[in-house]
Amino acid sequence: MSDYRDVTPNQQFPPSTQTLTEVLHYVVRYLKHPLHEIKSIPDWNWSTLIVTLIALSMSSGFLTGLIPPNIFRIMSGLIISPMVAVLTAFISSLFIYYYFQVFEHRTCSLRKIFTLILFANIPFLIFQTVSDIFPPIALVGFAFTSLITAVGLTENFQLPKKRSLRLVTAIYAVIFIIWIWNHFDL
């Protein structure tokens, strides 16, 4: 793919009302049919993507702070969750971007990869809300995120299924080991 150059004229920040309704419509469709919607991710500008990720992670962080209710966890969810979500989405996107560069010998749009990561992370954000009650549920959410990422890589970037599954399985294994390490202090 040669769509590595991201030139977005007339970017608006904050996104317009029309853009917000477009985002809400896509997110609702995505929540109803994630595997179908991830096959054709939207082409939004960076500001829309960042605002969408921040809004989704703030919502998840707020709900996480409510279960069980704690004002410090609510504030942490509203402030720290978006920073962590944006940072991990960028790191994940860069990892996949350079995977394509090194192993697939092609350049893909970082913005399109970021869009895939943003929407694939929604199941994790949903499951994360109850992870304080039952911590392993975060791994279930990340498993769904991994599967959706594999489908998105196959459908949007024409990565063969086998390589796509290997890539997300390797990432999931690393996350699983880190999760075990953090929860059991091995």
C-alpha atoms as a PDB file:
ATOM      1  CA  MET A   1       0.000   0.000   0.000  1.00  0.00           C
ATOM      2  CA  SER A   2       1.255   3.440  -0.767  1.00  0.00           C
ATOM      3  CA  ASP A   3      -1.152   5.421   1.419  1.00  0.00           C
ATOM      4  CA  TYR A   4       1.505   6.181   4.016  1.00  0.00           C
ATOM      5  CA  ARG A   5       1.291   9.936   3.527  1.00  0.00           C
ATOM      6  CA  ASP A   6      -1.345  11.577   5.687  1.00  0.00           C
ATOM      7  CA  VAL A   7      -2.402  14.904   4.280  1.00  0.00           C
ATOM      8  CA  THR A   8      -5.604  16.059   5.875  1.00  0.00           C
ATOM      9  CA  PRO A   9      -6.591  19.545   4.737  1.00  0.00           C
ATOM     10  CA  ASN A  10      -9.278  21.463   6.561  1.00  0.00           C
ATOM     11  CA  GLN A  11      -8.870  19.559   9.807  1.00  0.00           C
ATOM     12  CA  GLN A  12     -11.190  20.798  12.500  1.00  0.00           C
ATOM     13  CA  PHE A  13     -10.404  20.732  16.164  1.00  0.00           C
ATOM     14  CA  PRO A  14     -12.563  20.077  18.010  1.00  0.00           C
ATOM     15  CA  PRO A  15     -14.501  17.921  15.574  1.00  0.00           C
ATOM     16  CA  SER A  16     -17.711  19.417  14.186  1.00  0.00           C
ATOM     17  CA  THR A  17     -21.220  18.353  15.178  1.00  0.00           C
ATOM     18  CA  GLN A  18     -21.573  16.472  11.897  1.00  0.00           C
ATOM     19  CA  THR A  19     -18.398  14.561  12.704  1.00  0.00           C
ATOM     20  CA  LEU A  20     -19.651  13.772  16.210  1.00  0.00           C
ATOM     21  CA  THR A  21     -22.881  12.295  14.880  1.00  0.00           C
ATOM     22  CA  GLU A  22     -20.864  10.294  12.335  1.00  0.00           C
ATOM     23  CA  VAL A  23     -18.661   8.974  15.163  1.00  0.00           C
ATOM     24  CA  LEU A  24     -21.659   8.063  17.312  1.00  0.00           C
ATOM     25  CA  HIS A  25     -23.371   6.273  14.423  1.00  0.00           C
ATOM     26  CA  TYR A  26     -20.236   4.287  13.620  1.00  0.00           C
ATOM     27  CA  VAL A  27     -19.599   3.359  17.272  1.00  0.00           C
ATOM     28  CA  VAL A  28     -23.201   2.154  17.688  1.00  0.00           C
ATOM     29  CA  ARG A  29     -22.951   0.083  14.480  1.00  0.00           C
ATOM     30  CA  TYR A  30     -19.593  -1.242  15.658  1.00  0.00           C
ATOM     31  CA  LEU A  31     -21.001  -2.278  19.047  1.00  0.00           C
ATOM     32  CA  LYS A  32     -23.792  -4.176  17.293  1.00  0.00           C
ATOM     33  CA  HIS A  33     -21.562  -5.893  14.711  1.00  0.00           C
ATOM     34  CA  PRO A  34     -17.855  -5.502  15.575  1.00  0.00           C
ATOM     35  CA  LEU A  35     -16.518  -8.138  13.166  1.00  0.00           C
ATOM     36  CA  HIS A  36     -18.495  -6.719  10.270  1.00  0.00           C
ATOM     37  CA  GLU A  37     -17.676  -3.057  10.976  1.00  0.00           C
ATOM     38  CA  ILE A  38     -13.950  -3.650  11.563  1.00  0.00           C
ATOM     39  CA  LYS A  39     -13.691  -4.864   7.961  1.00  0.00           C
ATOM     40  CA  SER A  40     -14.244  -1.322   6.701  1.00  0.00           C
ATOM     41  CA  ILE A  41     -12.831   1.137   9.197  1.00  0.00           C
ATOM     42  CA  PRO A  42     -13.673   4.814   8.742  1.00  0.00           C
ATOM     43  CA  ASP A  43     -11.216   7.299   7.280  1.00  0.00           C
ATOM     44  CA  TRP A  44     -11.214  10.016   9.946  1.00  0.00           C
ATOM     45  CA  ASN A  45      -8.619  12.685  10.601  1.00  0.00           C
ATOM     46  CA  TRP A  46      -6.249  12.513  13.573  1.00  0.00           C
ATOM     47  CA  SER A  47      -8.179  14.954  15.754  1.00  0.00           C
ATOM     48  CA  THR A  48     -11.392  12.946  15.398  1.00  0.00           C
ATOM     49  CA  LEU A  49      -9.551   9.713  16.218  1.00  0.00           C
ATOM     50  CA  ILE A  50      -7.831  11.163  19.301  1.00  0.00           C
ATOM     51  CA  VAL A  51     -11.027  12.767  20.632  1.00  0.00           C
ATOM     52  CA  THR A  52     -12.921   9.497  20.061  1.00  0.00           C
ATOM     53  CA  LEU A  53     -10.273   7.472  21.901  1.00  0.00           C
ATOM     54  CA  ILE A  54     -10.182   9.942  24.782  1.00  0.00           C
ATOM     55  CA  ALA A  55     -13.990   9.930  25.088  1.00  0.00           C
ATOM     56  CA  LEU A  56     -14.193   6.125  25.013  1.00  0.00           C
ATOM     57  CA  SER A  57     -11.380   5.677  27.537  1.00  0.00           C
ATOM     58  CA  MET A  58     -12.795   8.357  29.848  1.00  0.00           C
ATOM     59  CA  SER A  59     -16.163   6.594  29.779  1.00  0.00           C
ATOM     60  CA  SER A  60     -14.529   3.270  30.542  1.00  0.00           C
ATOM     61  CA  GLY A  61     -12.355   4.787  33.274  1.00  0.00           C
ATOM     62  CA  PHE A  62     -15.346   6.530  34.853  1.00  0.00           C
ATOM     63  CA  LEU A  63     -17.400   3.328  34.889  1.00  0.00           C
ATOM     64  CA  THR A  64     -14.425   1.404  36.286  1.00  0.00           C
ATOM     65  CA  GLY A  65     -14.263   3.924  39.143  1.00  0.00           C
ATOM     66  CA  LEU A  66     -17.935   3.332  39.899  1.00  0.00           C
ATOM     67  CA  ILE A  67     -17.474  -0.422  40.420  1.00  0.00           C
ATOM     68  CA  PRO A  68     -17.041  -0.279  43.444  1.00  0.00           C
ATOM     69  CA  PRO A  69     -17.560   3.475  43.899  1.00  0.00           C
ATOM     70  CA  ASN A  70     -14.462   5.438  44.835  1.00  0.00           C
ATOM     71  CA  ILE A  71     -13.902   9.135  44.071  1.00  0.00           C
ATOM     72  CA  PHE A  72     -10.152   8.691  43.604  1.00  0.00           C
ATOM     73  CA  ARG A  73     -10.661   5.847  41.132  1.00  0.00           C
ATOM     74  CA  ILE A  74     -13.285   7.871  39.260  1.00  0.00           C
ATOM     75  CA  MET A  75     -10.897  10.822  38.938  1.00  0.00           C
ATOM     76  CA  SER A  76      -8.081   8.474  37.965  1.00  0.00           C
ATOM     77  CA  GLY A  77     -10.346   6.935  35.335  1.00  0.00           C
ATOM     78  CA  LEU A  78     -11.175  10.353  33.927  1.00  0.00           C
ATOM     79  CA  ILE A  79      -7.585  11.614  33.884  1.00  0.00           C
ATOM     80  CA  ILE A  80      -5.173   8.682  33.696  1.00  0.00           C
ATOM     81  CA  SER A  81      -7.212   6.269  31.555  1.00  0.00           C
ATOM     82  CA  PRO A  82      -7.197   8.551  28.477  1.00  0.00           C
ATOM     83  CA  MET A  83      -3.448   9.116  28.758  1.00  0.00           C
ATOM     84  CA  VAL A  84      -2.772   5.386  29.047  1.00  0.00           C
ATOM     85  CA  ALA A  85      -5.199   4.577  26.208  1.00  0.00           C
ATOM     86  CA  VAL A  86      -3.644   7.102  23.825  1.00  0.00           C
ATOM     87  CA  LEU A  87      -0.113   6.000  24.715  1.00  0.00           C
ATOM     88  CA  THR A  88      -0.828   2.286  24.305  1.00  0.00           C
ATOM     89  CA  ALA A  89      -2.748   2.868  21.069  1.00  0.00           C
ATOM     90  CA  PHE A  90       0.190   4.792  19.620  1.00  0.00           C
ATOM     91  CA  ILE A  91       2.714   2.196  20.762  1.00  0.00           C
ATOM     92  CA  SER A  92       0.580  -0.626  19.351  1.00  0.00           C
ATOM     93  CA  SER A  93       0.091   1.267  16.095  1.00  0.00           C
ATOM     94  CA  LEU A  94       3.800   1.939  15.754  1.00  0.00           C
ATOM     95  CA  PHE A  95       4.580  -1.712  16.472  1.00  0.00           C
ATOM     96  CA  ILE A  96       2.238  -2.854  13.695  1.00  0.00           C
ATOM     97  CA  TYR A  97       3.429  -0.061  11.392  1.00  0.00           C
ATOM     98  CA  TYR A  98       7.033  -1.228  11.748  1.00  0.00           C
ATOM     99  CA  TYR A  99       5.959  -4.859  11.501  1.00  0.00           C
ATOM    100  CA  PHE A 100       4.646  -4.034   8.018  1.00  0.00           C
ATOM    101  CA  GLN A 101       7.850  -2.156   7.206  1.00  0.00           C
ATOM    102  CA  VAL A 102      10.232  -4.897   8.344  1.00  0.00           C
ATOM    103  CA  PHE A 103       8.418  -8.178   7.780  1.00  0.00           C
ATOM    104  CA  GLU A 104       5.908  -7.364   5.032  1.00  0.00           C
ATOM    105  CA  HIS A 105       8.191  -4.916   3.167  1.00  0.00           C
ATOM    106  CA  ARG A 106       5.490  -2.340   2.632  1.00  0.00           C
ATOM    107  CA  THR A 107       4.296   0.887   4.147  1.00  0.00           C
ATOM    108  CA  CYS A 108       0.778   1.281   5.465  1.00  0.00           C
ATOM    109  CA  SER A 109      -0.940   4.374   6.777  1.00  0.00           C
ATOM    110  CA  LEU A 110      -0.191   4.912  10.460  1.00  0.00           C
ATOM    111  CA  ARG A 111      -3.534   6.702  10.788  1.00  0.00           C
ATOM    112  CA  LYS A 112      -5.385   3.698   9.361  1.00  0.00           C
ATOM    113  CA  ILE A 113      -3.517   1.338  11.705  1.00  0.00           C
ATOM    114  CA  PHE A 114      -4.327   3.642  14.634  1.00  0.00           C
ATOM    115  CA  THR A 115      -7.994   3.596  13.607  1.00  0.00           C
ATOM    116  CA  LEU A 116      -7.951  -0.201  13.633  1.00  0.00           C
ATOM    117  CA  ILE A 117      -6.317  -0.287  17.070  1.00  0.00           C
ATOM    118  CA  LEU A 118      -8.781   2.285  18.432  1.00  0.00           C
ATOM    119  CA  PHE A 119     -11.841   0.281  17.455  1.00  0.00           C
ATOM    120  CA  ALA A 120     -10.339  -3.103  18.256  1.00  0.00           C
ATOM    121  CA  ASN A 121      -9.715  -1.856  21.819  1.00  0.00           C
ATOM    122  CA  ILE A 122     -13.386  -1.173  22.517  1.00  0.00           C
ATOM    123  CA  PRO A 123     -14.088  -4.716  23.831  1.00  0.00           C
ATOM    124  CA  PHE A 124     -11.124  -4.392  26.190  1.00  0.00           C
ATOM    125  CA  LEU A 125     -12.428  -1.032  27.439  1.00  0.00           C
ATOM    126  CA  ILE A 126     -15.848  -2.574  28.055  1.00  0.00           C
ATOM    127  CA  PHE A 127     -14.525  -5.609  29.927  1.00  0.00           C
ATOM    128  CA  GLN A 128     -12.070  -3.426  31.847  1.00  0.00           C
ATOM    129  CA  THR A 129     -14.978  -1.764  33.654  1.00  0.00           C
ATOM    130  CA  VAL A 130     -15.592  -4.855  35.815  1.00  0.00           C
ATOM    131  CA  SER A 131     -11.985  -6.023  36.103  1.00  0.00           C
ATOM    132  CA  ASP A 132     -11.707  -4.909  39.738  1.00  0.00           C
ATOM    133  CA  ILE A 133     -14.458  -7.362  40.681  1.00  0.00           C
ATOM    134  CA  PHE A 134     -13.080 -10.210  38.558  1.00  0.00           C
ATOM    135  CA  PRO A 135      -9.542  -9.408  37.309  1.00  0.00           C
ATOM    136  CA  PRO A 136      -9.247 -12.189  34.657  1.00  0.00           C
ATOM    137  CA  ILE A 137     -12.122 -10.598  32.730  1.00  0.00           C
ATOM    138  CA  ALA A 138      -9.577  -8.094  31.374  1.00  0.00           C
ATOM    139  CA  LEU A 139      -7.877 -10.997  29.588  1.00  0.00           C
ATOM    140  CA  VAL A 140     -11.195 -11.998  28.041  1.00  0.00           C
ATOM    141  CA  GLY A 141     -11.639  -8.434  26.791  1.00  0.00           C
ATOM    142  CA  PHE A 142      -8.129  -8.440  25.393  1.00  0.00           C
ATOM    143  CA  ALA A 143      -8.792 -11.786  23.686  1.00  0.00           C
ATOM    144  CA  PHE A 144     -11.760 -10.215  21.886  1.00  0.00           C
ATOM    145  CA  THR A 145      -9.586  -7.216  21.035  1.00  0.00           C
ATOM    146  CA  SER A 146      -6.942  -9.561  19.616  1.00  0.00           C
ATOM    147  CA  LEU A 147      -9.443 -11.431  17.448  1.00  0.00           C
ATOM    148  CA  ILE A 148     -10.934  -8.211  16.111  1.00  0.00           C
ATOM    149  CA  THR A 149      -7.431  -6.900  15.409  1.00  0.00           C
ATOM    150  CA  ALA A 150      -6.623 -10.062  13.445  1.00  0.00           C
ATOM    151  CA  VAL A 151      -9.773  -9.652  11.352  1.00  0.00           C
ATOM    152  CA  GLY A 152      -8.995  -5.964  10.820  1.00  0.00           C
ATOM    153  CA  LEU A 153      -5.421  -6.677   9.738  1.00  0.00           C
ATOM    154  CA  THR A 154      -6.625  -9.318   7.296  1.00  0.00           C
ATOM    155  CA  GLU A 155      -9.484  -7.273   5.834  1.00  0.00           C
ATOM    156  CA  ASN A 156      -8.005  -3.751   5.815  1.00  0.00           C
ATOM    157  CA  PHE A 157      -4.338  -4.457   5.131  1.00  0.00           C
ATOM    158  CA  GLN A 158      -4.589  -7.761   3.216  1.00  0.00           C
ATOM    159  CA  LEU A 159      -2.326  -9.488   5.714  1.00  0.00           C
ATOM    160  CA  PRO A 160      -2.739 -13.266   5.311  1.00  0.00           C
ATOM    161  CA  LYS A 161      -4.890 -14.795   8.062  1.00  0.00           C
ATOM    162  CA  LYS A 162      -2.132 -17.041   9.302  1.00  0.00           C
ATOM    163  CA  ARG A 163       0.355 -14.188   9.775  1.00  0.00           C
ATOM    164  CA  SER A 164      -2.314 -11.966  11.256  1.00  0.00           C
ATOM    165  CA  LEU A 165      -3.233 -14.614  13.823  1.00  0.00           C
ATOM    166  CA  ARG A 166       0.431 -15.264  14.648  1.00  0.00           C
ATOM    167  CA  LEU A 167       1.057 -11.573  15.187  1.00  0.00           C
ATOM    168  CA  VAL A 168      -1.879 -11.013  17.535  1.00  0.00           C
ATOM    169  CA  THR A 169      -1.219 -14.303  19.336  1.00  0.00           C
ATOM    170  CA  ALA A 170       2.342 -13.198  20.035  1.00  0.00           C
ATOM    171  CA  ILE A 171       1.109  -9.848  21.335  1.00  0.00           C
ATOM    172  CA  TYR A 172      -1.578 -11.560  23.440  1.00  0.00           C
ATOM    173  CA  ALA A 173       1.018 -13.935  24.911  1.00  0.00           C
ATOM    174  CA  VAL A 174       3.198 -11.015  25.984  1.00  0.00           C
ATOM    175  CA  ILE A 175       0.221  -9.206  27.545  1.00  0.00           C
ATOM    176  CA  PHE A 176      -0.867 -12.433  29.271  1.00  0.00           C
ATOM    177  CA  ILE A 177       2.600 -12.962  30.784  1.00  0.00           C
ATOM    178  CA  ILE A 178       2.722  -9.337  31.969  1.00  0.00           C
ATOM    179  CA  TRP A 179      -0.764  -9.694  33.479  1.00  0.00           C
ATOM    180  CA  ILE A 180       0.224 -12.876  35.322  1.00  0.00           C
ATOM    181  CA  TRP A 181       3.427 -11.222  36.525  1.00  0.00           C
ATOM    182  CA  ASN A 182       1.554  -8.187  37.855  1.00  0.00           C
ATOM    183  CA  HIS A 183      -1.232 -10.128  39.557  1.00  0.00           C
ATOM    184  CA  PHE A 184       0.786 -12.895  41.157  1.00  0.00           C
ATOM    185  CA  ASP A 185       4.206 -11.250  41.643  1.00  0.00           C
ATOM    186  CA  LEU A 186       6.141 -14.268  40.452  1.00  0.00           C
END
